[in-house]
Amino acid sequence: MSNELFIAGSLEEIIEANPEKTFLSADGLEGAVIGYKGERLVYSVAKCIEILMADMSREDALEYFDFNTRDAYVGEQTPIWMEDL
């Protein structure tokens, strides 16, 4: 597995450029994908929160993300959650 982090414009671009790889995406957060490392997608935490805030308050979005998304382990393809500076 590659240790390099690749930045990309969208999940569709990543899948199109890597047809041999299988990526596991977080439902509803496809718009927050910013890249990949090996077969793990990299998400922008700020973009994830922004997407969740379409249906809930910021406080609820942060709580939901931390409890239901960030802390979920789904095996070797568990996404990488990148904090924005």
N, C-alpha and C. Protein backbone atom coordinates (compact mmCIF):
# COMPACT_ATOMS: atom_id res chain seq x y z
N MET A 1 0.85 -1.19 0.00
CA MET A 1 0.00 0.00 0.00
C MET A 1 0.89 1.24 0.00
N SER A 2 0.49 2.20 -0.77
CA SER A 2 1.25 3.44 -0.89
C SER A 2 1.08 4.31 0.35
N ASN A 3 2.16 4.95 0.78
CA ASN A 3 2.09 5.88 1.91
C ASN A 3 1.89 7.31 1.45
N GLU A 4 1.73 7.50 0.14
CA GLU A 4 1.56 8.84 -0.39
C GLU A 4 0.10 9.28 -0.28
N LEU A 5 -0.08 10.55 0.01
CA LEU A 5 -1.40 11.15 0.04
C LEU A 5 -1.63 11.87 -1.28
N PHE A 6 -2.72 11.54 -1.96
CA PHE A 6 -3.05 12.18 -3.22
C PHE A 6 -4.27 13.07 -3.03
N ILE A 7 -4.15 14.32 -3.47
CA ILE A 7 -5.24 15.28 -3.39
C ILE A 7 -5.97 15.27 -4.73
N ALA A 8 -7.29 15.25 -4.67
CA ALA A 8 -8.10 15.19 -5.90
C ALA A 8 -9.29 16.13 -5.77
N GLY A 9 -9.91 16.42 -6.89
CA GLY A 9 -11.04 17.35 -6.92
C GLY A 9 -12.35 16.76 -6.46
N SER A 10 -12.56 15.45 -6.66
CA SER A 10 -13.83 14.85 -6.29
C SER A 10 -13.71 13.33 -6.19
N LEU A 11 -14.68 12.72 -5.55
CA LEU A 11 -14.72 11.27 -5.43
C LEU A 11 -14.79 10.63 -6.82
N GLU A 12 -15.56 11.23 -7.70
CA GLU A 12 -15.69 10.69 -9.06
C GLU A 12 -14.34 10.67 -9.77
N GLU A 13 -13.55 11.73 -9.62
CA GLU A 13 -12.22 11.78 -10.23
C GLU A 13 -11.31 10.70 -9.67
N ILE A 14 -11.40 10.46 -8.37
CA ILE A 14 -10.57 9.44 -7.73
C ILE A 14 -10.92 8.06 -8.27
N ILE A 15 -12.20 7.76 -8.33
CA ILE A 15 -12.65 6.45 -8.81
C ILE A 15 -12.28 6.27 -10.27
N GLU A 16 -12.47 7.30 -11.07
CA GLU A 16 -12.15 7.23 -12.50
C GLU A 16 -10.65 7.01 -12.73
N ALA A 17 -9.81 7.64 -11.94
CA ALA A 17 -8.36 7.54 -12.11
C ALA A 17 -7.79 6.25 -11.50
N ASN A 18 -8.58 5.56 -10.68
CA ASN A 18 -8.11 4.36 -9.98
C ASN A 18 -9.10 3.21 -10.10
N PRO A 19 -9.41 2.76 -11.31
CA PRO A 19 -10.44 1.72 -11.46
C PRO A 19 -10.07 0.39 -10.80
N GLU A 20 -8.80 0.18 -10.52
CA GLU A 20 -8.35 -1.07 -9.90
C GLU A 20 -8.54 -1.08 -8.38
N LYS A 21 -8.86 0.07 -7.80
CA LYS A 21 -8.99 0.18 -6.34
C LYS A 21 -10.46 0.17 -5.93
N THR A 22 -10.68 -0.29 -4.71
CA THR A 22 -12.01 -0.28 -4.13
C THR A 22 -12.01 0.69 -2.97
N PHE A 23 -12.82 1.72 -3.06
CA PHE A 23 -12.89 2.72 -2.00
C PHE A 23 -14.21 2.58 -1.25
N LEU A 24 -14.17 2.83 0.04
CA LEU A 24 -15.36 2.81 0.88
C LEU A 24 -15.69 4.26 1.23
N SER A 25 -16.88 4.71 0.82
CA SER A 25 -17.22 6.11 1.07
C SER A 25 -18.26 6.23 2.18
N ALA A 26 -18.24 7.36 2.86
CA ALA A 26 -19.20 7.67 3.92
C ALA A 26 -20.46 8.22 3.26
N ASP A 27 -21.59 7.54 3.49
CA ASP A 27 -22.85 7.93 2.86
C ASP A 27 -23.19 9.39 3.12
N GLY A 28 -23.49 10.11 2.06
CA GLY A 28 -23.91 11.49 2.17
C GLY A 28 -22.78 12.50 2.27
N LEU A 29 -21.56 12.03 2.44
CA LEU A 29 -20.43 12.95 2.61
C LEU A 29 -19.47 12.93 1.43
N GLU A 30 -19.93 12.44 0.29
CA GLU A 30 -19.09 12.35 -0.90
C GLU A 30 -18.50 13.69 -1.30
N GLY A 31 -19.23 14.76 -1.07
CA GLY A 31 -18.78 16.10 -1.40
C GLY A 31 -17.64 16.61 -0.53
N ALA A 32 -17.32 15.89 0.53
CA ALA A 32 -16.25 16.30 1.43
C ALA A 32 -14.94 15.56 1.15
N VAL A 33 -14.93 14.67 0.15
CA VAL A 33 -13.71 13.93 -0.20
C VAL A 33 -12.71 14.90 -0.81
N ILE A 34 -11.48 14.87 -0.30
CA ILE A 34 -10.43 15.76 -0.83
C ILE A 34 -9.24 14.99 -1.38
N GLY A 35 -9.22 13.67 -1.20
CA GLY A 35 -8.10 12.89 -1.72
C GLY A 35 -8.17 11.45 -1.26
N TYR A 36 -7.03 10.76 -1.38
CA TYR A 36 -6.96 9.37 -0.95
C TYR A 36 -5.52 8.99 -0.62
N LYS A 37 -5.41 7.92 0.15
CA LYS A 37 -4.11 7.35 0.51
C LYS A 37 -4.29 5.84 0.44
N GLY A 38 -3.62 5.18 -0.49
CA GLY A 38 -3.85 3.76 -0.70
C GLY A 38 -5.27 3.56 -1.16
N GLU A 39 -6.06 2.77 -0.41
CA GLU A 39 -7.47 2.58 -0.72
C GLU A 39 -8.36 3.24 0.32
N ARG A 40 -7.80 4.23 1.03
CA ARG A 40 -8.57 4.98 2.03
C ARG A 40 -8.86 6.38 1.51
N LEU A 41 -10.11 6.78 1.56
CA LEU A 41 -10.47 8.14 1.17
C LEU A 41 -10.11 9.12 2.27
N VAL A 42 -9.79 10.33 1.88
CA VAL A 42 -9.47 11.40 2.83
C VAL A 42 -10.58 12.44 2.73
N TYR A 43 -11.16 12.78 3.87
CA TYR A 43 -12.26 13.74 3.94
C TYR A 43 -11.84 15.00 4.69
N SER A 44 -12.38 16.12 4.28
CA SER A 44 -12.23 17.37 5.01
C SER A 44 -13.29 17.39 6.11
N VAL A 45 -12.85 17.48 7.36
CA VAL A 45 -13.80 17.52 8.48
C VAL A 45 -14.70 18.75 8.36
N ALA A 46 -14.14 19.90 8.00
CA ALA A 46 -14.95 21.12 7.86
C ALA A 46 -16.04 20.95 6.81
N LYS A 47 -15.71 20.30 5.69
CA LYS A 47 -16.71 20.07 4.65
C LYS A 47 -17.77 19.08 5.11
N CYS A 48 -17.37 18.08 5.88
CA CYS A 48 -18.33 17.12 6.43
C CYS A 48 -19.34 17.84 7.32
N ILE A 49 -18.85 18.70 8.20
CA ILE A 49 -19.73 19.45 9.11
C ILE A 49 -20.66 20.35 8.31
N GLU A 50 -20.11 21.00 7.29
CA GLU A 50 -20.92 21.88 6.44
C GLU A 50 -22.06 21.09 5.77
N ILE A 51 -21.77 19.90 5.28
CA ILE A 51 -22.79 19.07 4.64
C ILE A 51 -23.85 18.67 5.66
N LEU A 52 -23.43 18.25 6.85
CA LEU A 52 -24.38 17.84 7.88
C LEU A 52 -25.25 18.99 8.35
N MET A 53 -24.71 20.22 8.32
CA MET A 53 -25.48 21.39 8.77
C MET A 53 -26.64 21.74 7.84
N ALA A 54 -26.73 21.09 6.69
CA ALA A 54 -27.90 21.31 5.82
C ALA A 54 -29.16 20.78 6.49
N ASP A 55 -29.00 19.82 7.43
CA ASP A 55 -30.15 19.20 8.08
C ASP A 55 -30.19 19.37 9.60
N MET A 56 -29.18 20.04 10.16
CA MET A 56 -29.14 20.18 11.62
C MET A 56 -28.28 21.38 12.01
N SER A 57 -28.33 21.73 13.28
CA SER A 57 -27.53 22.85 13.77
C SER A 57 -26.05 22.48 13.77
N ARG A 58 -25.18 23.47 13.91
CA ARG A 58 -23.74 23.20 13.96
C ARG A 58 -23.39 22.30 15.14
N GLU A 59 -23.96 22.60 16.29
CA GLU A 59 -23.70 21.78 17.47
C GLU A 59 -24.12 20.33 17.25
N ASP A 60 -25.31 20.13 16.69
CA ASP A 60 -25.78 18.77 16.42
C ASP A 60 -24.92 18.09 15.36
N ALA A 61 -24.49 18.85 14.35
CA ALA A 61 -23.64 18.29 13.29
C ALA A 61 -22.30 17.84 13.86
N LEU A 62 -21.71 18.64 14.74
CA LEU A 62 -20.44 18.27 15.37
C LEU A 62 -20.59 17.00 16.22
N GLU A 63 -21.66 16.95 17.00
CA GLU A 63 -21.90 15.79 17.84
C GLU A 63 -22.16 14.54 16.99
N TYR A 64 -22.98 14.69 15.95
CA TYR A 64 -23.29 13.56 15.07
C TYR A 64 -22.01 13.06 14.39
N PHE A 65 -21.22 13.99 13.85
CA PHE A 65 -19.99 13.60 13.17
C PHE A 65 -19.04 12.88 14.11
N ASP A 66 -18.81 13.44 15.28
CA ASP A 66 -17.87 12.83 16.23
C ASP A 66 -18.32 11.43 16.67
N PHE A 67 -19.60 11.28 16.95
CA PHE A 67 -20.09 10.01 17.49
C PHE A 67 -20.34 8.96 16.41
N ASN A 68 -20.95 9.36 15.30
CA ASN A 68 -21.39 8.40 14.28
C ASN A 68 -20.45 8.22 13.10
N THR A 69 -19.55 9.17 12.89
CA THR A 69 -18.73 9.12 11.68
C THR A 69 -17.26 9.00 12.03
N ARG A 70 -16.72 9.97 12.68
CA ARG A 70 -15.28 9.97 12.98
C ARG A 70 -14.86 8.74 13.78
N ASP A 71 -15.65 8.33 14.75
CA ASP A 71 -15.28 7.23 15.63
C ASP A 71 -15.63 5.85 15.07
N ALA A 72 -16.25 5.79 13.90
CA ALA A 72 -16.62 4.49 13.32
C ALA A 72 -15.41 3.83 12.67
N TYR A 73 -15.16 2.58 13.06
CA TYR A 73 -14.08 1.81 12.43
C TYR A 73 -14.73 0.81 11.50
N VAL A 74 -14.35 0.86 10.22
CA VAL A 74 -14.95 -0.04 9.23
C VAL A 74 -13.88 -0.88 8.53
N GLY A 75 -12.84 -1.19 9.25
CA GLY A 75 -11.78 -2.02 8.71
C GLY A 75 -10.63 -1.22 8.11
N GLU A 76 -9.85 -1.89 7.29
CA GLU A 76 -8.66 -1.28 6.70
C GLU A 76 -8.96 -0.09 5.81
N GLN A 77 -10.19 0.02 5.34
CA GLN A 77 -10.56 1.13 4.47
C GLN A 77 -11.24 2.26 5.23
N THR A 78 -11.13 2.25 6.55
CA THR A 78 -11.71 3.35 7.33
C THR A 78 -11.15 4.67 6.80
N PRO A 79 -12.03 5.62 6.49
CA PRO A 79 -11.55 6.90 5.94
C PRO A 79 -10.60 7.64 6.87
N ILE A 80 -9.86 8.53 6.29
CA ILE A 80 -8.98 9.44 7.03
C ILE A 80 -9.72 10.77 7.13
N TRP A 81 -9.86 11.26 8.34
CA TRP A 81 -10.57 12.52 8.59
C TRP A 81 -9.53 13.61 8.81
N MET A 82 -9.41 14.52 7.87
CA MET A 82 -8.38 15.57 7.93
C MET A 82 -8.98 16.86 8.49
N GLU A 83 -8.39 17.33 9.56
CA GLU A 83 -8.79 18.61 10.14
C GLU A 83 -8.25 19.75 9.28
N ASP A 84 -9.10 20.70 8.99
CA ASP A 84 -8.70 21.86 8.21
C ASP A 84 -8.08 22.90 9.13
N LEU A 85 -7.03 23.54 8.66
CA LEU A 85 -6.39 24.58 9.46
C LEU A 85 -6.93 25.94 9.12
